[in-house]
Amino acid sequence: MIRHTILLILLFMIFSFPGSIWAQEIGFMGMHLGMSRSEVIEKAESNDLIEVPKSRDVEFFPVEEREILALSITPEAPHIYLQFYDDILLSLTIVFDEQQIDYYTLIDRMEEKYGEHQRVTPSWREWEFEGALIKVEKPAVVKYMALEELVERAALKRQEAPTSNERKAALLEGL
């Protein structure tokens, strides 16, 4: 009898509090870390606030194996950048117009949703939550990152540095 009561209480808590620690989705406007690129585009296109340009992709770093999707919500969030690795959303950056939504409003909302920040400097506050790093930066930027996966997938393999003799030879050849 006691086991059944405990089980019922646990099930009630899980289903009654979908935004609780049981299944918090990390992201913005229904676009969450871990979604596929097609899921994100579908979610963005179905939201009347989000502007999805015909030319969606941006290439900041063409040597890296990633895709960046650029969206906007004008005037409040004119720049939204979503980074995908292997078709999975691993980083989401929202640049707010500080005249519309300021740094302290963002901090208040994040603390309401995720609790007290773990790290703070004069320029930013940071939370770690369910494997994600959430950072609010001045003037009004919010970053969501699946940090471990992002670092693992984005890490470029370093080439071994040339020896001193190889460097000298290359320099002399360049004369």
C-alpha atoms as a PDB file:
ATOM      1  CA  MET A   1       0.000   0.000   0.000  1.00  0.00           C
ATOM      2  CA  ILE A   2       2.793   2.425   0.918  1.00  0.00           C
ATOM      3  CA  ARG A   3       4.668   1.631  -2.326  1.00  0.00           C
ATOM      4  CA  HIS A   4       1.566   2.373  -4.383  1.00  0.00           C
ATOM      5  CA  THR A   5       1.051   5.678  -2.569  1.00  0.00           C
ATOM      6  CA  ILE A   6       4.666   6.725  -3.120  1.00  0.00           C
ATOM      7  CA  LEU A   7       4.454   5.718  -6.775  1.00  0.00           C
ATOM      8  CA  LEU A   8       1.245   7.716  -7.239  1.00  0.00           C
ATOM      9  CA  ILE A   9       2.806  10.771  -5.587  1.00  0.00           C
ATOM     10  CA  LEU A  10       5.889  10.534  -7.828  1.00  0.00           C
ATOM     11  CA  LEU A  11       3.774  10.140 -10.965  1.00  0.00           C
ATOM     12  CA  PHE A  12       1.630  13.080  -9.915  1.00  0.00           C
ATOM     13  CA  MET A  13       4.747  15.248  -9.426  1.00  0.00           C
ATOM     14  CA  ILE A  14       6.219  14.259 -12.783  1.00  0.00           C
ATOM     15  CA  PHE A  15       3.058  14.990 -14.747  1.00  0.00           C
ATOM     16  CA  SER A  16       1.945  18.013 -12.729  1.00  0.00           C
ATOM     17  CA  PHE A  17       5.173  19.939 -13.088  1.00  0.00           C
ATOM     18  CA  PRO A  18       6.398  19.541 -16.680  1.00  0.00           C
ATOM     19  CA  GLY A  19       8.641  22.604 -16.352  1.00  0.00           C
ATOM     20  CA  SER A  20      10.240  21.305 -13.202  1.00  0.00           C
ATOM     21  CA  ILE A  21      13.617  19.654 -12.808  1.00  0.00           C
ATOM     22  CA  TRP A  22      12.210  16.425 -14.231  1.00  0.00           C
ATOM     23  CA  ALA A  23      12.201  17.479 -17.867  1.00  0.00           C
ATOM     24  CA  GLN A  24      13.335  21.060 -18.327  1.00  0.00           C
ATOM     25  CA  GLU A  25      13.894  21.940 -21.959  1.00  0.00           C
ATOM     26  CA  ILE A  26      16.733  24.387 -22.444  1.00  0.00           C
ATOM     27  CA  GLY A  27      16.167  26.923 -25.190  1.00  0.00           C
ATOM     28  CA  PHE A  28      14.182  29.845 -26.538  1.00  0.00           C
ATOM     29  CA  MET A  29      10.717  30.148 -28.111  1.00  0.00           C
ATOM     30  CA  GLY A  30      10.267  26.382 -28.409  1.00  0.00           C
ATOM     31  CA  MET A  31      13.683  25.837 -30.023  1.00  0.00           C
ATOM     32  CA  HIS A  32      15.611  23.633 -27.604  1.00  0.00           C
ATOM     33  CA  LEU A  33      19.122  22.248 -27.418  1.00  0.00           C
ATOM     34  CA  GLY A  34      19.224  18.764 -28.900  1.00  0.00           C
ATOM     35  CA  MET A  35      16.595  19.390 -31.587  1.00  0.00           C
ATOM     36  CA  SER A  36      17.343  18.588 -35.211  1.00  0.00           C
ATOM     37  CA  ARG A  37      17.733  21.399 -37.729  1.00  0.00           C
ATOM     38  CA  SER A  38      14.440  20.497 -39.435  1.00  0.00           C
ATOM     39  CA  GLU A  39      12.609  20.505 -36.080  1.00  0.00           C
ATOM     40  CA  VAL A  40      14.004  23.961 -35.296  1.00  0.00           C
ATOM     41  CA  ILE A  41      13.019  25.354 -38.699  1.00  0.00           C
ATOM     42  CA  GLU A  42       9.540  23.873 -38.369  1.00  0.00           C
ATOM     43  CA  LYS A  43       9.160  25.386 -34.880  1.00  0.00           C
ATOM     44  CA  ALA A  44      10.442  28.782 -36.057  1.00  0.00           C
ATOM     45  CA  GLU A  45       8.206  28.877 -39.134  1.00  0.00           C
ATOM     46  CA  SER A  46       5.140  28.034 -37.041  1.00  0.00           C
ATOM     47  CA  ASN A  47       5.824  30.941 -34.642  1.00  0.00           C
ATOM     48  CA  ASP A  48       4.367  34.259 -35.824  1.00  0.00           C
ATOM     49  CA  LEU A  49       6.997  36.294 -33.943  1.00  0.00           C
ATOM     50  CA  ILE A  50      10.064  34.636 -35.467  1.00  0.00           C
ATOM     51  CA  GLU A  51      11.263  35.879 -38.849  1.00  0.00           C
ATOM     52  CA  VAL A  52      12.768  33.094 -40.919  1.00  0.00           C
ATOM     53  CA  PRO A  53      14.601  34.601 -43.913  1.00  0.00           C
ATOM     54  CA  LYS A  54      14.768  32.725 -47.211  1.00  0.00           C
ATOM     55  CA  SER A  55      18.565  32.779 -46.973  1.00  0.00           C
ATOM     56  CA  ARG A  56      18.827  31.214 -43.514  1.00  0.00           C
ATOM     57  CA  ASP A  57      22.382  29.963 -43.303  1.00  0.00           C
ATOM     58  CA  VAL A  58      25.374  32.012 -42.248  1.00  0.00           C
ATOM     59  CA  GLU A  59      28.973  30.853 -42.608  1.00  0.00           C
ATOM     60  CA  PHE A  60      31.191  32.502 -40.034  1.00  0.00           C
ATOM     61  CA  PHE A  61      33.771  29.718 -39.964  1.00  0.00           C
ATOM     62  CA  PRO A  62      33.647  27.664 -43.158  1.00  0.00           C
ATOM     63  CA  VAL A  63      36.548  25.433 -42.035  1.00  0.00           C
ATOM     64  CA  GLU A  64      34.569  24.013 -39.117  1.00  0.00           C
ATOM     65  CA  GLU A  65      32.015  21.260 -39.474  1.00  0.00           C
ATOM     66  CA  ARG A  66      28.991  23.234 -38.375  1.00  0.00           C
ATOM     67  CA  GLU A  67      25.954  25.000 -39.712  1.00  0.00           C
ATOM     68  CA  ILE A  68      24.683  28.285 -38.345  1.00  0.00           C
ATOM     69  CA  LEU A  69      21.083  29.325 -38.785  1.00  0.00           C
ATOM     70  CA  ALA A  70      20.223  33.027 -38.436  1.00  0.00           C
ATOM     71  CA  LEU A  71      16.739  34.153 -37.361  1.00  0.00           C
ATOM     72  CA  SER A  72      15.266  37.295 -35.801  1.00  0.00           C
ATOM     73  CA  ILE A  73      12.380  38.731 -33.834  1.00  0.00           C
ATOM     74  CA  THR A  74      12.201  42.442 -34.535  1.00  0.00           C
ATOM     75  CA  PRO A  75      12.521  44.717 -32.745  1.00  0.00           C
ATOM     76  CA  GLU A  76      13.222  42.806 -29.506  1.00  0.00           C
ATOM     77  CA  ALA A  77      15.726  40.157 -30.696  1.00  0.00           C
ATOM     78  CA  PRO A  78      17.177  41.244 -34.035  1.00  0.00           C
ATOM     79  CA  HIS A  79      19.840  38.508 -34.057  1.00  0.00           C
ATOM     80  CA  ILE A  80      19.307  34.856 -33.157  1.00  0.00           C
ATOM     81  CA  TYR A  81      22.075  32.418 -34.072  1.00  0.00           C
ATOM     82  CA  LEU A  82      21.653  28.655 -33.816  1.00  0.00           C
ATOM     83  CA  GLN A  83      24.698  26.378 -34.238  1.00  0.00           C
ATOM     84  CA  PHE A  84      24.210  22.820 -35.413  1.00  0.00           C
ATOM     85  CA  TYR A  85      26.754  20.018 -35.413  1.00  0.00           C
ATOM     86  CA  ASP A  86      25.734  16.801 -37.153  1.00  0.00           C
ATOM     87  CA  ASP A  87      22.222  18.279 -37.549  1.00  0.00           C
ATOM     88  CA  ILE A  88      21.788  18.726 -33.759  1.00  0.00           C
ATOM     89  CA  LEU A  89      21.275  22.139 -32.117  1.00  0.00           C
ATOM     90  CA  LEU A  90      24.133  22.575 -29.636  1.00  0.00           C
ATOM     91  CA  SER A  91      24.296  26.352 -29.225  1.00  0.00           C
ATOM     92  CA  LEU A  92      21.728  29.128 -29.321  1.00  0.00           C
ATOM     93  CA  THR A  93      22.609  32.832 -29.000  1.00  0.00           C
ATOM     94  CA  ILE A  94      19.967  35.540 -28.740  1.00  0.00           C
ATOM     95  CA  VAL A  95      21.071  39.164 -29.080  1.00  0.00           C
ATOM     96  CA  PHE A  96      18.332  41.354 -27.635  1.00  0.00           C
ATOM     97  CA  ASP A  97      17.885  45.049 -28.368  1.00  0.00           C
ATOM     98  CA  GLU A  98      18.704  46.455 -24.946  1.00  0.00           C
ATOM     99  CA  GLN A  99      16.201  49.275 -25.497  1.00  0.00           C
ATOM    100  CA  GLN A 100      13.474  46.613 -25.634  1.00  0.00           C
ATOM    101  CA  ILE A 101      14.716  43.987 -23.131  1.00  0.00           C
ATOM    102  CA  ASP A 102      17.621  44.820 -20.849  1.00  0.00           C
ATOM    103  CA  TYR A 103      20.255  42.759 -19.053  1.00  0.00           C
ATOM    104  CA  TYR A 104      18.584  42.932 -15.644  1.00  0.00           C
ATOM    105  CA  THR A 105      15.217  41.810 -17.022  1.00  0.00           C
ATOM    106  CA  LEU A 106      16.975  38.808 -18.575  1.00  0.00           C
ATOM    107  CA  ILE A 107      18.730  38.039 -15.268  1.00  0.00           C
ATOM    108  CA  ASP A 108      15.436  38.186 -13.365  1.00  0.00           C
ATOM    109  CA  ARG A 109      13.761  35.802 -15.803  1.00  0.00           C
ATOM    110  CA  MET A 110      16.645  33.321 -15.740  1.00  0.00           C
ATOM    111  CA  GLU A 111      16.762  33.310 -11.948  1.00  0.00           C
ATOM    112  CA  GLU A 112      13.016  32.765 -11.868  1.00  0.00           C
ATOM    113  CA  LYS A 113      13.336  29.808 -14.230  1.00  0.00           C
ATOM    114  CA  TYR A 114      16.705  28.253 -13.263  1.00  0.00           C
ATOM    115  CA  GLY A 115      17.368  29.539  -9.750  1.00  0.00           C
ATOM    116  CA  GLU A 116      20.330  31.495  -8.445  1.00  0.00           C
ATOM    117  CA  HIS A 117      23.264  31.822 -10.846  1.00  0.00           C
ATOM    118  CA  GLN A 118      26.413  29.779 -10.156  1.00  0.00           C
ATOM    119  CA  ARG A 119      29.018  32.234 -11.452  1.00  0.00           C
ATOM    120  CA  VAL A 120      29.022  35.997 -11.850  1.00  0.00           C
ATOM    121  CA  THR A 121      31.305  38.767 -13.106  1.00  0.00           C
ATOM    122  CA  PRO A 122      30.491  42.426 -13.747  1.00  0.00           C
ATOM    123  CA  SER A 123      29.807  41.500 -17.401  1.00  0.00           C
ATOM    124  CA  TRP A 124      27.838  38.236 -17.169  1.00  0.00           C
ATOM    125  CA  ARG A 125      26.025  35.660 -15.068  1.00  0.00           C
ATOM    126  CA  GLU A 126      26.099  31.951 -15.687  1.00  0.00           C
ATOM    127  CA  TRP A 127      24.011  28.876 -14.856  1.00  0.00           C
ATOM    128  CA  GLU A 128      24.713  25.195 -15.420  1.00  0.00           C
ATOM    129  CA  PHE A 129      21.556  23.221 -15.769  1.00  0.00           C
ATOM    130  CA  GLU A 130      20.991  19.651 -16.967  1.00  0.00           C
ATOM    131  CA  GLY A 131      24.211  19.490 -18.977  1.00  0.00           C
ATOM    132  CA  ALA A 132      23.731  22.950 -20.462  1.00  0.00           C
ATOM    133  CA  LEU A 133      25.570  26.184 -19.838  1.00  0.00           C
ATOM    134  CA  ILE A 134      23.355  29.263 -19.832  1.00  0.00           C
ATOM    135  CA  LYS A 135      25.026  32.654 -19.888  1.00  0.00           C
ATOM    136  CA  VAL A 136      23.508  36.145 -19.821  1.00  0.00           C
ATOM    137  CA  GLU A 137      25.971  38.808 -20.972  1.00  0.00           C
ATOM    138  CA  LYS A 138      25.888  42.585 -21.100  1.00  0.00           C
ATOM    139  CA  PRO A 139      24.434  44.484 -22.828  1.00  0.00           C
ATOM    140  CA  ALA A 140      21.592  41.941 -23.435  1.00  0.00           C
ATOM    141  CA  VAL A 141      22.709  38.577 -24.817  1.00  0.00           C
ATOM    142  CA  VAL A 142      21.573  35.094 -23.786  1.00  0.00           C
ATOM    143  CA  LYS A 143      23.585  32.014 -24.731  1.00  0.00           C
ATOM    144  CA  TYR A 144      22.479  28.408 -24.331  1.00  0.00           C
ATOM    145  CA  MET A 145      25.159  25.783 -24.940  1.00  0.00           C
ATOM    146  CA  ALA A 146      25.370  22.022 -24.654  1.00  0.00           C
ATOM    147  CA  LEU A 147      28.912  22.700 -23.562  1.00  0.00           C
ATOM    148  CA  GLU A 148      30.480  19.241 -23.342  1.00  0.00           C
ATOM    149  CA  GLU A 149      29.022  18.125 -26.669  1.00  0.00           C
ATOM    150  CA  LEU A 150      29.868  21.456 -28.292  1.00  0.00           C
ATOM    151  CA  VAL A 151      33.502  21.318 -27.201  1.00  0.00           C
ATOM    152  CA  GLU A 152      33.797  17.667 -28.216  1.00  0.00           C
ATOM    153  CA  ARG A 153      32.313  18.170 -31.689  1.00  0.00           C
ATOM    154  CA  ALA A 154      33.827  21.566 -32.412  1.00  0.00           C
ATOM    155  CA  ALA A 155      37.350  20.749 -31.269  1.00  0.00           C
ATOM    156  CA  LEU A 156      39.700  21.085 -34.170  1.00  0.00           C
ATOM    157  CA  LYS A 157      42.587  18.688 -34.214  1.00  0.00           C
ATOM    158  CA  ARG A 158      45.775  20.634 -33.797  1.00  0.00           C
ATOM    159  CA  GLN A 159      48.610  19.932 -36.113  1.00  0.00           C
ATOM    160  CA  GLU A 160      51.962  19.386 -34.531  1.00  0.00           C
ATOM    161  CA  ALA A 161      54.008  22.541 -34.452  1.00  0.00           C
ATOM    162  CA  PRO A 162      56.931  22.583 -36.852  1.00  0.00           C
ATOM    163  CA  THR A 163      60.378  22.278 -35.350  1.00  0.00           C
ATOM    164  CA  SER A 164      62.690  25.253 -35.187  1.00  0.00           C
ATOM    165  CA  ASN A 165      64.668  23.974 -38.173  1.00  0.00           C
ATOM    166  CA  GLU A 166      61.493  23.464 -40.224  1.00  0.00           C
ATOM    167  CA  ARG A 167      60.354  27.006 -39.429  1.00  0.00           C
ATOM    168  CA  LYS A 168      63.735  28.447 -40.466  1.00  0.00           C
ATOM    169  CA  ALA A 169      63.680  26.454 -43.692  1.00  0.00           C
ATOM    170  CA  ALA A 170      60.154  27.660 -44.512  1.00  0.00           C
ATOM    171  CA  LEU A 171      61.123  31.271 -43.813  1.00  0.00           C
ATOM    172  CA  LEU A 172      64.239  31.058 -45.941  1.00  0.00           C
ATOM    173  CA  GLU A 173      62.262  29.480 -48.786  1.00  0.00           C
ATOM    174  CA  GLY A 174      59.901  32.423 -48.627  1.00  0.00           C
ATOM    175  CA  LEU A 175      62.697  34.923 -49.437  1.00  0.00           C
END
